[in-house]
Amino acid sequence: MADEREIEERLAWVEASVRRIAGSVSPPVTLPPHPYADTAELSDAVKQLISAGQTIQAIQVHRQETGAGLAEAKSAIESFSG
């Protein structure tokens, strides 16, 4: 049986997939923002990973926490660290 973290990771993956698909159809479908998190706001855990030079892990955690897509999460991390 899947633990809570695995379920959250799977859900974040599904949400990111839906956003990718919605953006790839013609005409693109605009989805509302993720209802539970501000994808521009970085948690303390993500900030610590960035400070430790663990950018990829920071992106992964940010996506899990917010449901952000890969490009959106990468942009948020880069804007904080850059």
Protein backbone atom coordinates (compact mmCIF):
# COMPACT_ATOMS: atom_id res chain seq x y z
CA MET A 1 0.00 0.00 0.00
CA ALA A 2 1.28 3.46 -0.88
CA ASP A 3 2.29 5.79 1.91
CA GLU A 4 1.13 9.41 2.09
CA ARG A 5 4.28 10.81 0.47
CA GLU A 6 4.02 8.42 -2.48
CA ILE A 7 0.38 9.37 -2.97
CA GLU A 8 1.28 13.07 -2.89
CA GLU A 9 4.07 12.49 -5.42
CA ARG A 10 1.73 10.59 -7.73
CA LEU A 11 -0.93 13.28 -7.43
CA ALA A 12 1.60 16.02 -8.20
CA TRP A 13 2.70 14.03 -11.26
CA VAL A 14 -0.89 13.64 -12.44
CA GLU A 15 -1.60 17.34 -11.93
CA ALA A 16 1.56 18.33 -13.81
CA SER A 17 0.63 15.93 -16.62
CA VAL A 18 -2.85 17.42 -16.92
CA ARG A 19 -1.36 20.92 -17.10
CA ARG A 20 1.10 19.81 -19.82
CA ILE A 21 -1.68 18.20 -21.85
CA ALA A 22 -3.96 21.19 -21.42
CA GLY A 23 -1.23 23.48 -22.74
CA SER A 24 -0.46 21.26 -25.72
CA VAL A 25 -3.91 21.03 -27.31
CA SER A 26 -5.13 23.47 -29.90
CA PRO A 27 -6.40 25.86 -28.75
CA PRO A 28 -4.58 25.57 -25.42
CA VAL A 29 -6.74 25.12 -22.35
CA THR A 30 -5.96 27.47 -19.49
CA LEU A 31 -6.38 25.82 -16.12
CA PRO A 32 -6.95 27.75 -12.91
CA PRO A 33 -4.01 27.96 -10.52
CA HIS A 34 -3.41 25.09 -8.14
CA PRO A 35 -6.04 25.56 -5.42
CA TYR A 36 -3.89 24.63 -2.43
CA ALA A 37 -0.58 26.40 -2.85
CA ASP A 38 1.03 29.53 -4.18
CA THR A 39 3.52 28.12 -6.67
CA ALA A 40 5.67 31.25 -6.38
CA GLU A 41 6.04 30.86 -2.61
CA LEU A 42 8.95 28.67 -1.56
CA SER A 43 8.81 26.66 1.63
CA ASP A 44 11.62 26.68 4.16
CA ALA A 45 12.53 23.12 3.10
CA VAL A 46 12.92 24.22 -0.52
CA LYS A 47 14.95 27.27 0.49
CA GLN A 48 17.28 25.03 2.51
CA LEU A 49 17.79 22.73 -0.47
CA ILE A 50 18.61 25.71 -2.68
CA SER A 51 21.08 27.03 -0.11
CA ALA A 52 22.72 23.60 0.01
CA GLY A 53 23.14 23.64 -3.77
CA GLN A 54 20.57 20.89 -4.29
CA THR A 55 18.64 22.57 -7.09
CA ILE A 56 17.11 19.43 -8.62
CA GLN A 57 15.86 18.24 -5.24
CA ALA A 58 14.49 21.72 -4.54
CA ILE A 59 12.53 21.62 -7.79
CA GLN A 60 11.17 18.16 -6.98
CA VAL A 61 10.08 19.15 -3.49
CA HIS A 62 8.54 22.41 -4.73
CA ARG A 63 6.53 20.48 -7.34
CA GLN A 64 5.34 18.03 -4.70
CA GLU A 65 4.33 20.80 -2.33
CA THR A 66 2.57 23.01 -4.86
CA GLY A 67 1.57 20.91 -7.85
CA ALA A 68 3.60 23.23 -10.08
CA GLY A 69 4.75 21.99 -13.45
CA LEU A 70 8.42 21.44 -14.15
CA ALA A 71 8.97 24.73 -15.97
CA GLU A 72 7.04 26.69 -13.35
CA ALA A 73 8.95 25.09 -10.47
CA LYS A 74 12.31 25.56 -12.22
CA SER A 75 11.51 29.23 -12.78
CA ALA A 76 10.54 29.73 -9.13
CA ILE A 77 13.74 28.08 -7.91
CA GLU A 78 15.94 30.00 -10.34
CA SER A 79 14.36 33.33 -9.43
CA PHE A 80 15.11 32.68 -5.76
CA SER A 81 18.68 31.48 -6.25
CA GLY A 82 19.60 33.77 -9.10
